[in-house]
Full PDB file with SEQRES, HELIX, SHEET, SSBOND, CRYST1, ORIGX, SCALE, CONECT and MASTER records, all heavy atoms in Angstrom:
SEQRES   1 A   31  GLN ARG HIS GLU ASP LEU VAL GLU SER LYS LEU ALA GLY          
SEQRES   2 A   31  VAL ASP ILE LYS ARG ARG ARG ILE GLU GLU ILE ILE THR          
SEQRES   3 A   31  ALA GLN VAL ALA ASP                                          
HELIX    1 AA1 ARG A    2  LYS A   10  1                                   9    
HELIX    2 AA2 GLY A   13  ALA A   30  1                                  18    
CRYST1    1.000    1.000    1.000  90.00  90.00  90.00 P 1           1          
ORIGX1      1.000000  0.000000  0.000000        0.00000                         
ORIGX2      0.000000  1.000000  0.000000        0.00000                         
ORIGX3      0.000000  0.000000  1.000000        0.00000                         
SCALE1      1.000000  0.000000  0.000000        0.00000                         
SCALE2      0.000000  1.000000  0.000000        0.00000                         
SCALE3      0.000000  0.000000  1.000000        0.00000                         
ATOM      1  N   GLN A   1      -7.137   8.479   9.703  1.00  0.00           N  
ATOM      2  CA  GLN A   1      -6.498   9.186   8.596  1.00  0.00           C  
ATOM      3  C   GLN A   1      -5.122   9.712   8.988  1.00  0.00           C  
ATOM      4  O   GLN A   1      -4.165   9.608   8.207  1.00  0.00           O  
ATOM      5  CB  GLN A   1      -7.387  10.343   8.131  1.00  0.00           C  
ATOM      6  CG  GLN A   1      -6.920  10.987   6.834  1.00  0.00           C  
ATOM      7  CD  GLN A   1      -6.917  10.007   5.669  1.00  0.00           C  
ATOM      8  OE1 GLN A   1      -7.940   9.410   5.363  1.00  0.00           O  
ATOM      9  NE2 GLN A   1      -5.759   9.825   5.043  1.00  0.00           N  
ATOM     10  N   ARG A   2      -4.998  10.262  10.189  1.00  0.00           N  
ATOM     11  CA  ARG A   2      -3.695  10.760  10.655  1.00  0.00           C  
ATOM     12  C   ARG A   2      -2.669   9.632  10.700  1.00  0.00           C  
ATOM     13  O   ARG A   2      -1.513   9.783  10.287  1.00  0.00           O  
ATOM     14  CB  ARG A   2      -3.830  11.398  12.046  1.00  0.00           C  
ATOM     15  CG  ARG A   2      -4.403  12.785  12.050  1.00  0.00           C  
ATOM     16  CD  ARG A   2      -4.182  13.473  13.395  1.00  0.00           C  
ATOM     17  NE  ARG A   2      -4.794  12.752  14.509  1.00  0.00           N  
ATOM     18  CZ  ARG A   2      -6.042  12.945  14.922  1.00  0.00           C  
ATOM     19  NH1 ARG A   2      -6.828  13.806  14.285  1.00  0.00           N  
ATOM     20  NH2 ARG A   2      -6.521  12.270  15.967  1.00  0.00           N  
ATOM     21  N   HIS A   3      -3.102   8.490  11.221  1.00  0.00           N  
ATOM     22  CA  HIS A   3      -2.180   7.357  11.349  1.00  0.00           C  
ATOM     23  C   HIS A   3      -1.739   6.855   9.975  1.00  0.00           C  
ATOM     24  O   HIS A   3      -0.543   6.603   9.749  1.00  0.00           O  
ATOM     25  CB  HIS A   3      -2.857   6.221  12.125  1.00  0.00           C  
ATOM     26  CG  HIS A   3      -2.022   4.987  12.219  1.00  0.00           C  
ATOM     27  ND1 HIS A   3      -0.912   4.901  13.025  1.00  0.00           N  
ATOM     28  CD2 HIS A   3      -2.126   3.778  11.584  1.00  0.00           C  
ATOM     29  CE1 HIS A   3      -0.367   3.706  12.903  1.00  0.00           C  
ATOM     30  NE2 HIS A   3      -1.082   3.009  12.031  1.00  0.00           N  
ATOM     31  N   GLU A   4      -2.673   6.706   9.056  1.00  0.00           N  
ATOM     32  CA  GLU A   4      -2.323   6.199   7.733  1.00  0.00           C  
ATOM     33  C   GLU A   4      -1.468   7.200   6.967  1.00  0.00           C  
ATOM     34  O   GLU A   4      -0.573   6.802   6.200  1.00  0.00           O  
ATOM     35  CB  GLU A   4      -3.593   5.847   6.961  1.00  0.00           C  
ATOM     36  CG  GLU A   4      -4.333   4.653   7.566  1.00  0.00           C  
ATOM     37  CD  GLU A   4      -5.507   4.187   6.732  1.00  0.00           C  
ATOM     38  OE1 GLU A   4      -5.832   4.858   5.723  1.00  0.00           O  
ATOM     39  OE2 GLU A   4      -6.101   3.149   7.079  1.00  0.00           O  
ATOM     40  N   ASP A   5      -1.700   8.479   7.161  1.00  0.00           N  
ATOM     41  CA  ASP A   5      -0.843   9.497   6.535  1.00  0.00           C  
ATOM     42  C   ASP A   5       0.575   9.399   7.082  1.00  0.00           C  
ATOM     43  O   ASP A   5       1.555   9.545   6.329  1.00  0.00           O  
ATOM     44  CB  ASP A   5      -1.402  10.902   6.799  1.00  0.00           C  
ATOM     45  CG  ASP A   5      -2.672  11.176   6.007  1.00  0.00           C  
ATOM     46  OD1 ASP A   5      -2.954  10.423   5.051  1.00  0.00           O  
ATOM     47  OD2 ASP A   5      -3.382  12.152   6.340  1.00  0.00           O  
ATOM     48  N   LEU A   6       0.699   9.125   8.384  1.00  0.00           N  
ATOM     49  CA  LEU A   6       2.018   8.991   9.010  1.00  0.00           C  
ATOM     50  C   LEU A   6       2.740   7.762   8.457  1.00  0.00           C  
ATOM     51  O   LEU A   6       3.943   7.829   8.142  1.00  0.00           O  
ATOM     52  CB  LEU A   6       1.860   8.873  10.530  1.00  0.00           C  
ATOM     53  CG  LEU A   6       3.156   8.704  11.340  1.00  0.00           C  
ATOM     54  CD1 LEU A   6       4.063   9.921  11.148  1.00  0.00           C  
ATOM     55  CD2 LEU A   6       2.839   8.504  12.813  1.00  0.00           C  
ATOM     56  N   VAL A   7       2.031   6.673   8.351  1.00  0.00           N  
ATOM     57  CA  VAL A   7       2.621   5.449   7.790  1.00  0.00           C  
ATOM     58  C   VAL A   7       3.081   5.698   6.361  1.00  0.00           C  
ATOM     59  O   VAL A   7       4.189   5.321   5.965  1.00  0.00           O  
ATOM     60  CB  VAL A   7       1.607   4.289   7.838  1.00  0.00           C  
ATOM     61  CG1 VAL A   7       2.123   3.089   7.047  1.00  0.00           C  
ATOM     62  CG2 VAL A   7       1.318   3.892   9.271  1.00  0.00           C  
ATOM     63  N   GLU A   8       2.247   6.360   5.580  1.00  0.00           N  
ATOM     64  CA  GLU A   8       2.573   6.650   4.182  1.00  0.00           C  
ATOM     65  C   GLU A   8       3.824   7.505   4.072  1.00  0.00           C  
ATOM     66  O   GLU A   8       4.681   7.275   3.208  1.00  0.00           O  
ATOM     67  CB  GLU A   8       1.391   7.366   3.516  1.00  0.00           C  
ATOM     68  CG  GLU A   8       1.553   7.639   2.035  1.00  0.00           C  
ATOM     69  CD  GLU A   8       1.213   6.443   1.169  1.00  0.00           C  
ATOM     70  OE1 GLU A   8       0.651   5.472   1.694  1.00  0.00           O  
ATOM     71  OE2 GLU A   8       1.520   6.496  -0.035  1.00  0.00           O  
ATOM     72  N   SER A   9       3.961   8.477   4.964  1.00  0.00           N  
ATOM     73  CA  SER A   9       5.110   9.388   4.899  1.00  0.00           C  
ATOM     74  C   SER A   9       6.428   8.690   5.210  1.00  0.00           C  
ATOM     75  O   SER A   9       7.497   9.150   4.804  1.00  0.00           O  
ATOM     76  CB  SER A   9       4.906  10.555   5.868  1.00  0.00           C  
ATOM     77  OG  SER A   9       4.967  10.107   7.221  1.00  0.00           O  
ATOM     78  N   LYS A  10       6.363   7.573   5.922  1.00  0.00           N  
ATOM     79  CA  LYS A  10       7.585   6.862   6.307  1.00  0.00           C  
ATOM     80  C   LYS A  10       7.973   5.766   5.324  1.00  0.00           C  
ATOM     81  O   LYS A  10       9.040   5.158   5.452  1.00  0.00           O  
ATOM     82  CB  LYS A  10       7.401   6.253   7.703  1.00  0.00           C  
ATOM     83  CG  LYS A  10       7.310   7.309   8.807  1.00  0.00           C  
ATOM     84  CD  LYS A  10       7.209   6.663  10.173  1.00  0.00           C  
ATOM     85  CE  LYS A  10       7.198   7.721  11.278  1.00  0.00           C  
ATOM     86  NZ  LYS A  10       7.121   7.111  12.633  1.00  0.00           N  
ATOM     87  N   LEU A  11       7.106   5.484   4.359  1.00  0.00           N  
ATOM     88  CA  LEU A  11       7.395   4.440   3.394  1.00  0.00           C  
ATOM     89  C   LEU A  11       8.297   4.954   2.282  1.00  0.00           C  
ATOM     90  O   LEU A  11       8.109   6.056   1.769  1.00  0.00           O  
ATOM     91  CB  LEU A  11       6.100   3.913   2.776  1.00  0.00           C  
ATOM     92  CG  LEU A  11       5.190   3.072   3.671  1.00  0.00           C  
ATOM     93  CD1 LEU A  11       3.926   2.708   2.920  1.00  0.00           C  
ATOM     94  CD2 LEU A  11       5.898   1.816   4.152  1.00  0.00           C  
ATOM     95  N   ALA A  12       9.264   4.133   1.915  1.00  0.00           N  
ATOM     96  CA  ALA A  12      10.102   4.464   0.765  1.00  0.00           C  
ATOM     97  C   ALA A  12       9.307   4.177  -0.501  1.00  0.00           C  
ATOM     98  O   ALA A  12       8.294   3.475  -0.488  1.00  0.00           O  
ATOM     99  CB  ALA A  12      11.372   3.628   0.800  1.00  0.00           C  
ATOM    100  N   GLY A  13       9.794   4.713  -1.623  1.00  0.00           N  
ATOM    101  CA  GLY A  13       9.099   4.525  -2.890  1.00  0.00           C  
ATOM    102  C   GLY A  13       8.886   3.072  -3.237  1.00  0.00           C  
ATOM    103  O   GLY A  13       7.812   2.677  -3.702  1.00  0.00           O  
ATOM    104  N   VAL A  14       9.870   2.226  -2.970  1.00  0.00           N  
ATOM    105  CA  VAL A  14       9.752   0.809  -3.285  1.00  0.00           C  
ATOM    106  C   VAL A  14       8.700   0.131  -2.420  1.00  0.00           C  
ATOM    107  O   VAL A  14       7.983  -0.768  -2.861  1.00  0.00           O  
ATOM    108  CB  VAL A  14      11.123   0.093  -3.131  1.00  0.00           C  
ATOM    109  CG1 VAL A  14      11.584   0.124  -1.673  1.00  0.00           C  
ATOM    110  CG2 VAL A  14      11.031  -1.344  -3.615  1.00  0.00           C  
ATOM    111  N   ASP A  15       8.576   0.580  -1.169  1.00  0.00           N  
ATOM    112  CA  ASP A  15       7.569   0.011  -0.266  1.00  0.00           C  
ATOM    113  C   ASP A  15       6.159   0.388  -0.703  1.00  0.00           C  
ATOM    114  O   ASP A  15       5.234  -0.413  -0.604  1.00  0.00           O  
ATOM    115  CB  ASP A  15       7.808   0.499   1.167  1.00  0.00           C  
ATOM    116  CG  ASP A  15       9.096  -0.061   1.758  1.00  0.00           C  
ATOM    117  OD1 ASP A  15       9.429  -1.199   1.409  1.00  0.00           O  
ATOM    118  OD2 ASP A  15       9.747   0.644   2.537  1.00  0.00           O  
ATOM    119  N   ILE A  16       6.004   1.634  -1.167  1.00  0.00           N  
ATOM    120  CA  ILE A  16       4.695   2.068  -1.657  1.00  0.00           C  
ATOM    121  C   ILE A  16       4.294   1.259  -2.880  1.00  0.00           C  
ATOM    122  O   ILE A  16       3.146   0.826  -3.023  1.00  0.00           O  
ATOM    123  CB  ILE A  16       4.729   3.576  -1.996  1.00  0.00           C  
ATOM    124  CG1 ILE A  16       4.949   4.398  -0.706  1.00  0.00           C  
ATOM    125  CG2 ILE A  16       3.441   4.002  -2.681  1.00  0.00           C  
ATOM    126  CD1 ILE A  16       5.101   5.875  -0.938  1.00  0.00           C  
ATOM    127  N   LYS A  17       5.269   1.014  -3.785  1.00  0.00           N  
ATOM    128  CA  LYS A  17       5.002   0.230  -4.983  1.00  0.00           C  
ATOM    129  C   LYS A  17       4.615  -1.196  -4.615  1.00  0.00           C  
ATOM    130  O   LYS A  17       3.667  -1.759  -5.166  1.00  0.00           O  
ATOM    131  CB  LYS A  17       6.236   0.225  -5.882  1.00  0.00           C  
ATOM    132  CG  LYS A  17       6.047  -0.529  -7.188  1.00  0.00           C  
ATOM    133  CD  LYS A  17       7.304  -0.458  -8.032  1.00  0.00           C  
ATOM    134  CE  LYS A  17       7.120  -1.238  -9.337  1.00  0.00           C  
ATOM    135  NZ  LYS A  17       8.342  -1.175 -10.183  1.00  0.00           N  
ATOM    136  N   ARG A  18       5.325  -1.795  -3.647  1.00  0.00           N  
ATOM    137  CA  ARG A  18       5.028  -3.155  -3.223  1.00  0.00           C  
ATOM    138  C   ARG A  18       3.638  -3.237  -2.614  1.00  0.00           C  
ATOM    139  O   ARG A  18       2.890  -4.185  -2.869  1.00  0.00           O  
ATOM    140  CB  ARG A  18       6.077  -3.619  -2.213  1.00  0.00           C  
ATOM    141  CG  ARG A  18       5.901  -5.090  -1.794  1.00  0.00           C  
ATOM    142  CD  ARG A  18       6.903  -5.486  -0.721  1.00  0.00           C  
ATOM    143  NE  ARG A  18       8.264  -5.323  -1.184  1.00  0.00           N  
ATOM    144  CZ  ARG A  18       9.131  -4.428  -0.681  1.00  0.00           C  
ATOM    145  NH1 ARG A  18       8.751  -3.639   0.317  1.00  0.00           N  
ATOM    146  NH2 ARG A  18      10.348  -4.345  -1.157  1.00  0.00           N  
ATOM    147  N   ARG A  19       3.310  -2.236  -1.811  1.00  0.00           N  
ATOM    148  CA  ARG A  19       1.995  -2.244  -1.182  1.00  0.00           C  
ATOM    149  C   ARG A  19       0.893  -2.128  -2.226  1.00  0.00           C  
ATOM    150  O   ARG A  19      -0.134  -2.809  -2.132  1.00  0.00           O  
ATOM    151  CB  ARG A  19       1.873  -1.094  -0.191  1.00  0.00           C  
ATOM    152  CG  ARG A  19       0.606  -1.164   0.664  1.00  0.00           C  
ATOM    153  CD  ARG A  19       0.459   0.053   1.556  1.00  0.00           C  
ATOM    154  NE  ARG A  19       0.041   1.221   0.769  1.00  0.00           N  
ATOM    155  CZ  ARG A  19      -0.169   2.429   1.295  1.00  0.00           C  
ATOM    156  NH1 ARG A  19       0.047   2.630   2.581  1.00  0.00           N  
ATOM    157  NH2 ARG A  19      -0.558   3.434   0.542  1.00  0.00           N  
ATOM    158  N   ARG A  20       1.120  -1.308  -3.232  1.00  0.00           N  
ATOM    159  CA  ARG A  20       0.124  -1.135  -4.280  1.00  0.00           C  
ATOM    160  C   ARG A  20      -0.084  -2.449  -5.044  1.00  0.00           C  
ATOM    161  O   ARG A  20      -1.218  -2.834  -5.353  1.00  0.00           O  
ATOM    162  CB  ARG A  20       0.558  -0.023  -5.241  1.00  0.00           C  
ATOM    163  CG  ARG A  20      -0.415   0.221  -6.401  1.00  0.00           C  
ATOM    164  CD  ARG A  20      -1.801   0.540  -5.909  1.00  0.00           C  
ATOM    165  NE  ARG A  20      -2.731   0.760  -7.003  1.00  0.00           N  
ATOM    166  CZ  ARG A  20      -4.025   0.555  -6.924  1.00  0.00           C  
ATOM    167  NH1 ARG A  20      -4.570   0.122  -5.791  1.00  0.00           N  
ATOM    168  NH2 ARG A  20      -4.809   0.778  -7.964  1.00  0.00           N  
ATOM    169  N   ILE A  21       1.010  -3.152  -5.325  1.00  0.00           N  
ATOM    170  CA  ILE A  21       0.909  -4.446  -6.009  1.00  0.00           C  
ATOM    171  C   ILE A  21       0.122  -5.428  -5.156  1.00  0.00           C  
ATOM    172  O   ILE A  21      -0.740  -6.163  -5.649  1.00  0.00           O  
ATOM    173  CB  ILE A  21       2.309  -5.003  -6.326  1.00  0.00           C  
ATOM    174  CG1 ILE A  21       2.978  -4.144  -7.396  1.00  0.00           C  
ATOM    175  CG2 ILE A  21       2.215  -6.454  -6.793  1.00  0.00           C  
ATOM    176  CD1 ILE A  21       4.408  -4.516  -7.669  1.00  0.00           C  
ATOM    177  N   GLU A  22       0.404  -5.443  -3.856  1.00  0.00           N  
ATOM    178  CA  GLU A  22      -0.314  -6.340  -2.945  1.00  0.00           C  
ATOM    179  C   GLU A  22      -1.810  -6.051  -2.954  1.00  0.00           C  
ATOM    180  O   GLU A  22      -2.627  -6.971  -2.943  1.00  0.00           O  
ATOM    181  CB  GLU A  22       0.245  -6.189  -1.529  1.00  0.00           C  
ATOM    182  CG  GLU A  22       1.644  -6.764  -1.344  1.00  0.00           C  
ATOM    183  CD  GLU A  22       2.179  -6.532   0.054  1.00  0.00           C  
ATOM    184  OE1 GLU A  22       1.519  -5.791   0.828  1.00  0.00           O  
ATOM    185  OE2 GLU A  22       3.232  -7.100   0.378  1.00  0.00           O  
ATOM    186  N   GLU A  23      -2.159  -4.779  -2.980  1.00  0.00           N  
ATOM    187  CA  GLU A  23      -3.567  -4.410  -2.975  1.00  0.00           C  
ATOM    188  C   GLU A  23      -4.254  -4.828  -4.269  1.00  0.00           C  
ATOM    189  O   GLU A  23      -5.399  -5.293  -4.258  1.00  0.00           O  
ATOM    190  CB  GLU A  23      -3.705  -2.903  -2.749  1.00  0.00           C  
ATOM    191  CG  GLU A  23      -3.296  -2.473  -1.338  1.00  0.00           C  
ATOM    192  CD  GLU A  23      -3.327  -0.962  -1.145  1.00  0.00           C  
ATOM    193  OE1 GLU A  23      -3.609  -0.251  -2.140  1.00  0.00           O  
ATOM    194  OE2 GLU A  23      -3.071  -0.493  -0.021  1.00  0.00           O  
ATOM    195  N   ILE A  24      -3.552  -4.687  -5.395  1.00  0.00           N  
ATOM    196  CA  ILE A  24      -4.127  -5.089  -6.684  1.00  0.00           C  
ATOM    197  C   ILE A  24      -4.336  -6.600  -6.730  1.00  0.00           C  
ATOM    198  O   ILE A  24      -5.392  -7.089  -7.154  1.00  0.00           O  
ATOM    199  CB  ILE A  24      -3.217  -4.635  -7.846  1.00  0.00           C  
ATOM    200  CG1 ILE A  24      -3.228  -3.099  -7.957  1.00  0.00           C  
ATOM    201  CG2 ILE A  24      -3.657  -5.260  -9.162  1.00  0.00           C  
ATOM    202  CD1 ILE A  24      -2.249  -2.544  -8.959  1.00  0.00           C  
ATOM    203  N   ILE A  25      -3.322  -7.363  -6.292  1.00  0.00           N  
ATOM    204  CA  ILE A  25      -3.427  -8.822  -6.299  1.00  0.00           C  
ATOM    205  C   ILE A  25      -4.542  -9.278  -5.364  1.00  0.00           C  
ATOM    206  O   ILE A  25      -5.306 -10.203  -5.679  1.00  0.00           O  
ATOM    207  CB  ILE A  25      -2.086  -9.466  -5.905  1.00  0.00           C  
ATOM    208  CG1 ILE A  25      -1.020  -9.138  -6.949  1.00  0.00           C  
ATOM    209  CG2 ILE A  25      -2.240 -10.970  -5.758  1.00  0.00           C  
ATOM    210  CD1 ILE A  25      -1.374  -9.559  -8.355  1.00  0.00           C  
ATOM    211  N   THR A  26      -4.644  -8.631  -4.217  1.00  0.00           N  
ATOM    212  CA  THR A  26      -5.713  -8.973  -3.275  1.00  0.00           C  
ATOM    213  C   THR A  26      -7.076  -8.739  -3.902  1.00  0.00           C  
ATOM    214  O   THR A  26      -7.997  -9.558  -3.746  1.00  0.00           O  
ATOM    215  CB  THR A  26      -5.578  -8.144  -1.991  1.00  0.00           C  
ATOM    216  OG1 THR A  26      -4.305  -8.401  -1.389  1.00  0.00           O  
ATOM    217  CG2 THR A  26      -6.676  -8.483  -0.998  1.00  0.00           C  
ATOM    218  N   ALA A  27      -7.221  -7.638  -4.633  1.00  0.00           N  
ATOM    219  CA  ALA A  27      -8.482  -7.341  -5.309  1.00  0.00           C  
ATOM    220  C   ALA A  27      -8.783  -8.392  -6.377  1.00  0.00           C  
ATOM    221  O   ALA A  27      -9.935  -8.788  -6.573  1.00  0.00           O  
ATOM    222  CB  ALA A  27      -8.425  -5.946  -5.928  1.00  0.00           C  
ATOM    223  N   GLN A  28      -7.739  -8.872  -7.062  1.00  0.00           N  
ATOM    224  CA  GLN A  28      -7.943  -9.897  -8.086  1.00  0.00           C  
ATOM    225  C   GLN A  28      -8.390 -11.215  -7.472  1.00  0.00           C  
ATOM    226  O   GLN A  28      -9.231 -11.925  -8.036  1.00  0.00           O  
ATOM    227  CB  GLN A  28      -6.654 -10.100  -8.902  1.00  0.00           C  
ATOM    228  CG  GLN A  28      -6.341  -8.943  -9.835  1.00  0.00           C  
ATOM    229  CD  GLN A  28      -5.302  -9.297 -10.881  1.00  0.00           C  
ATOM    230  OE1 GLN A  28      -5.169  -8.600 -11.891  1.00  0.00           O  
ATOM    231  NE2 GLN A  28      -4.553 -10.361 -10.687  1.00  0.00           N  
ATOM    232  N   VAL A  29      -7.829 -11.548  -6.320  1.00  0.00           N  
ATOM    233  CA  VAL A  29      -8.250 -12.769  -5.630  1.00  0.00           C  
ATOM    234  C   VAL A  29      -9.724 -12.656  -5.219  1.00  0.00           C  
ATOM    235  O   VAL A  29     -10.499 -13.605  -5.386  1.00  0.00           O  
ATOM    236  CB  VAL A  29      -7.372 -13.031  -4.392  1.00  0.00           C  
ATOM    237  CG1 VAL A  29      -7.969 -14.149  -3.530  1.00  0.00           C  
ATOM    238  CG2 VAL A  29      -5.952 -13.398  -4.810  1.00  0.00           C  
ATOM    239  N   ALA A  30     -10.106 -11.501  -4.703  1.00  0.00           N  
ATOM    240  CA  ALA A  30     -11.503 -11.301  -4.316  1.00  0.00           C  
ATOM    241  C   ALA A  30     -12.418 -11.391  -5.536  1.00  0.00           C  
ATOM    242  O   ALA A  30     -13.539 -11.914  -5.453  1.00  0.00           O  
ATOM    243  CB  ALA A  30     -11.661  -9.950  -3.626  1.00  0.00           C  
ATOM    244  N   ASP A  31     -11.935 -10.889  -6.671  1.00  0.00           N  
ATOM    245  CA  ASP A  31     -12.711 -10.965  -7.918  1.00  0.00           C  
ATOM    246  C   ASP A  31     -12.865 -12.417  -8.356  1.00  0.00           C  
ATOM    247  O   ASP A  31     -13.941 -12.849  -8.777  1.00  0.00           O  
ATOM    248  CB  ASP A  31     -11.997 -10.156  -9.006  1.00  0.00           C  
ATOM    249  CG  ASP A  31     -12.947  -9.712 -10.111  1.00  0.00           C  
ATOM    250  OD1 ASP A  31     -14.132 -10.086 -10.072  1.00  0.00           O  
ATOM    251  OD2 ASP A  31     -12.501  -8.982 -11.024  1.00  0.00           O  
TER     252      ASP A  31                                                      
MASTER        0    0    0    2    0    0    0    6  251    1    0    3          
END                                                                             
């Protein structure tokens, strides 16, 4: 949790958005 919080704090807004899109698409592929 500490590590992921640190990674999250260093991401710019655009990077967070891109990561969220990647996670959604990955979930759709699994579906």
